[in-house]
C-alpha cells in the first residue's frame, strides 16, 4: 500500500507542476475515452499507476525538450 500511496503522491505532484508551470500541456491530460473503463468501480493497481506516472513524465520531458 505504501508504494501505491507514493505513486499517487508523485502523480499529484507532476500533475500540479504541469498545471502550474505548463498550462498549455495541461490540456493534454484530458482522459482518453478509450482508457476509461466501463465498470462502475474499476480496480487500479500499482502497475497501472506506474505506467500512468511514466506517461506523465514522458509528456513533460518531451515538452521541455521541444520548447
N, C-alpha and C. Protein backbone atom coordinates (compact mmCIF):
# COMPACT_ATOMS: atom_id res chain seq x y z
N UNK A 1 0.82 -1.20 0.00
CA UNK A 1 0.00 0.00 0.00
C UNK A 1 0.86 1.26 0.00
N UNK A 2 2.01 1.18 0.64
CA UNK A 2 2.90 2.34 0.69
C UNK A 2 3.33 2.74 -0.72
N UNK A 3 3.65 1.76 -1.57
CA UNK A 3 4.06 2.07 -2.93
C UNK A 3 2.95 2.77 -3.70
N UNK A 4 1.72 2.31 -3.52
CA UNK A 4 0.59 2.94 -4.20
C UNK A 4 0.44 4.38 -3.73
N UNK A 5 0.55 4.60 -2.44
CA UNK A 5 0.45 5.96 -1.90
C UNK A 5 1.56 6.85 -2.46
N UNK A 6 2.76 6.34 -2.54
CA UNK A 6 3.89 7.10 -3.09
C UNK A 6 3.65 7.43 -4.56
N UNK A 7 3.13 6.46 -5.31
CA UNK A 7 2.85 6.70 -6.72
C UNK A 7 1.78 7.78 -6.88
N UNK A 8 0.72 7.70 -6.09
CA UNK A 8 -0.34 8.70 -6.16
C UNK A 8 0.18 10.08 -5.81
N UNK A 9 1.09 10.15 -4.85
CA UNK A 9 1.69 11.43 -4.48
C UNK A 9 2.52 11.98 -5.63
N UNK A 10 3.31 11.13 -6.26
CA UNK A 10 4.13 11.57 -7.40
C UNK A 10 3.26 12.01 -8.57
N UNK A 11 2.19 11.28 -8.82
CA UNK A 11 1.26 11.65 -9.90
C UNK A 11 0.64 13.01 -9.60
N UNK A 12 0.22 13.23 -8.36
CA UNK A 12 -0.36 14.52 -7.98
C UNK A 12 0.67 15.64 -8.12
N UNK A 13 1.90 15.38 -7.72
CA UNK A 13 2.96 16.39 -7.80
C UNK A 13 3.26 16.78 -9.24
N UNK A 14 3.40 15.80 -10.11
CA UNK A 14 3.74 16.13 -11.50
C UNK A 14 2.55 16.77 -12.21
N UNK A 15 1.34 16.35 -11.85
CA UNK A 15 0.15 16.98 -12.43
C UNK A 15 0.06 18.43 -12.00
N UNK A 16 0.34 18.70 -10.74
CA UNK A 16 0.33 20.08 -10.23
C UNK A 16 1.42 20.90 -10.90
N UNK A 17 2.60 20.32 -11.10
CA UNK A 17 3.69 21.03 -11.80
C UNK A 17 3.27 21.39 -13.22
N UNK A 18 2.67 20.45 -13.90
CA UNK A 18 2.22 20.72 -15.27
C UNK A 18 1.15 21.80 -15.28
N UNK A 19 0.19 21.70 -14.38
CA UNK A 19 -0.90 22.68 -14.31
C UNK A 19 -0.37 24.07 -14.01
N UNK A 20 0.59 24.17 -13.10
CA UNK A 20 1.11 25.47 -12.67
C UNK A 20 2.10 26.06 -13.65
N UNK A 21 3.07 25.26 -14.10
CA UNK A 21 4.18 25.77 -14.90
C UNK A 21 4.01 25.59 -16.41
N UNK A 22 3.17 24.66 -16.82
CA UNK A 22 3.00 24.36 -18.24
C UNK A 22 1.51 24.20 -18.56
N UNK A 23 0.72 25.27 -18.39
CA UNK A 23 -0.73 25.14 -18.59
C UNK A 23 -1.10 24.69 -20.01
N UNK A 24 -0.24 25.00 -20.97
CA UNK A 24 -0.52 24.58 -22.35
C UNK A 24 -0.43 23.06 -22.49
N UNK A 25 0.33 22.41 -21.64
CA UNK A 25 0.46 20.95 -21.65
C UNK A 25 -0.69 20.31 -20.88
N UNK A 26 -1.20 21.05 -19.91
CA UNK A 26 -2.26 20.52 -19.05
C UNK A 26 -3.47 20.06 -19.87
N UNK A 27 -3.71 20.72 -21.00
CA UNK A 27 -4.83 20.34 -21.88
C UNK A 27 -4.68 18.91 -22.39
N UNK A 28 -3.47 18.42 -22.50
CA UNK A 28 -3.23 17.06 -22.99
C UNK A 28 -3.55 15.99 -21.95
N UNK A 29 -3.85 16.40 -20.74
CA UNK A 29 -4.11 15.43 -19.68
C UNK A 29 -5.57 14.98 -19.64
N UNK A 30 -6.40 15.50 -20.52
CA UNK A 30 -7.79 15.04 -20.58
C UNK A 30 -7.81 13.54 -20.78
N UNK A 31 -8.75 12.89 -20.12
CA UNK A 31 -8.86 11.44 -20.24
C UNK A 31 -9.25 11.04 -21.65
N UNK A 32 -8.58 10.05 -22.15
CA UNK A 32 -8.89 9.46 -23.43
C UNK A 32 -10.06 8.49 -23.21
N UNK A 33 -11.17 8.64 -23.95
CA UNK A 33 -12.31 7.75 -23.73
C UNK A 33 -11.96 6.27 -23.85
N UNK A 34 -10.93 5.94 -24.58
CA UNK A 34 -10.54 4.55 -24.75
C UNK A 34 -9.94 3.97 -23.47
N UNK A 35 -9.46 4.84 -22.59
CA UNK A 35 -8.82 4.35 -21.36
C UNK A 35 -9.75 4.37 -20.16
N UNK A 36 -10.94 4.92 -20.33
CA UNK A 36 -11.88 4.97 -19.21
C UNK A 36 -12.65 3.66 -19.17
N UNK A 37 -12.55 2.93 -18.09
CA UNK A 37 -13.25 1.64 -18.00
C UNK A 37 -14.76 1.83 -17.96
N UNK A 38 -15.46 0.82 -18.43
CA UNK A 38 -16.91 0.91 -18.44
C UNK A 38 -17.53 0.24 -17.22
N UNK A 39 -16.72 0.02 -16.18
CA UNK A 39 -17.21 -0.58 -14.93
C UNK A 39 -17.49 0.54 -13.93
N UNK A 40 -18.40 0.28 -13.02
CA UNK A 40 -18.75 1.29 -12.03
C UNK A 40 -17.61 1.54 -11.04
N UNK A 41 -16.94 0.48 -10.61
CA UNK A 41 -15.84 0.60 -9.65
C UNK A 41 -14.62 -0.16 -10.17
N UNK A 42 -13.89 0.45 -11.12
CA UNK A 42 -12.74 -0.25 -11.69
C UNK A 42 -11.60 -0.37 -10.67
N UNK A 43 -10.80 -1.38 -10.83
CA UNK A 43 -9.65 -1.58 -9.98
C UNK A 43 -8.41 -1.03 -10.67
N UNK A 44 -7.64 -0.25 -9.96
CA UNK A 44 -6.40 0.30 -10.49
C UNK A 44 -5.28 -0.22 -9.61
N UNK A 45 -4.33 -0.90 -10.24
CA UNK A 45 -3.27 -1.48 -9.44
C UNK A 45 -1.97 -0.69 -9.59
N UNK A 46 -0.97 -1.14 -8.88
CA UNK A 46 0.32 -0.44 -8.85
C UNK A 46 0.95 -0.34 -10.24
N UNK A 47 0.83 -1.39 -11.03
CA UNK A 47 1.40 -1.39 -12.37
C UNK A 47 0.78 -0.29 -13.23
N UNK A 48 -0.53 -0.16 -13.18
CA UNK A 48 -1.20 0.88 -13.95
C UNK A 48 -0.81 2.28 -13.49
N UNK A 49 -0.65 2.45 -12.19
CA UNK A 49 -0.22 3.75 -11.68
C UNK A 49 1.20 4.07 -12.13
N UNK A 50 2.08 3.07 -12.13
CA UNK A 50 3.46 3.27 -12.61
C UNK A 50 3.45 3.68 -14.09
N UNK A 51 2.62 3.02 -14.88
CA UNK A 51 2.54 3.34 -16.31
C UNK A 51 2.01 4.75 -16.52
N UNK A 52 1.01 5.14 -15.73
CA UNK A 52 0.46 6.48 -15.86
C UNK A 52 1.49 7.54 -15.46
N UNK A 53 2.20 7.29 -14.37
CA UNK A 53 3.26 8.21 -13.94
C UNK A 53 4.33 8.33 -15.02
N UNK A 54 4.73 7.21 -15.59
CA UNK A 54 5.74 7.23 -16.66
C UNK A 54 5.24 8.04 -17.85
N UNK A 55 3.96 7.91 -18.19
CA UNK A 55 3.43 8.66 -19.32
C UNK A 55 3.42 10.16 -19.03
N UNK A 56 3.12 10.54 -17.81
CA UNK A 56 3.17 11.96 -17.43
C UNK A 56 4.60 12.48 -17.51
N UNK A 57 5.54 11.70 -17.00
CA UNK A 57 6.94 12.11 -17.04
C UNK A 57 7.44 12.25 -18.47
N UNK A 58 7.05 11.32 -19.33
CA UNK A 58 7.47 11.40 -20.74
C UNK A 58 6.85 12.61 -21.43
N UNK A 59 5.58 12.88 -21.16
CA UNK A 59 4.91 14.03 -21.75
C UNK A 59 5.62 15.32 -21.35
N UNK A 60 5.92 15.47 -20.07
CA UNK A 60 6.58 16.68 -19.60
C UNK A 60 8.01 16.79 -20.13
N UNK A 61 8.74 15.69 -20.13
CA UNK A 61 10.11 15.70 -20.64
C UNK A 61 10.15 16.07 -22.13
N UNK A 62 9.25 15.50 -22.90
CA UNK A 62 9.19 15.80 -24.34
C UNK A 62 8.87 17.28 -24.55
N UNK A 63 7.92 17.80 -23.78
CA UNK A 63 7.58 19.20 -23.93
C UNK A 63 8.76 20.10 -23.59
N UNK A 64 9.44 19.81 -22.50
CA UNK A 64 10.60 20.62 -22.10
C UNK A 64 11.69 20.56 -23.17
N UNK A 65 11.89 19.39 -23.74
CA UNK A 65 12.92 19.23 -24.77
C UNK A 65 12.58 20.00 -26.04
N UNK A 66 11.31 19.96 -26.43
CA UNK A 66 10.88 20.58 -27.68
C UNK A 66 10.66 22.10 -27.56
N UNK A 67 10.51 22.59 -26.35
CA UNK A 67 10.24 24.02 -26.19
C UNK A 67 11.31 24.63 -25.36
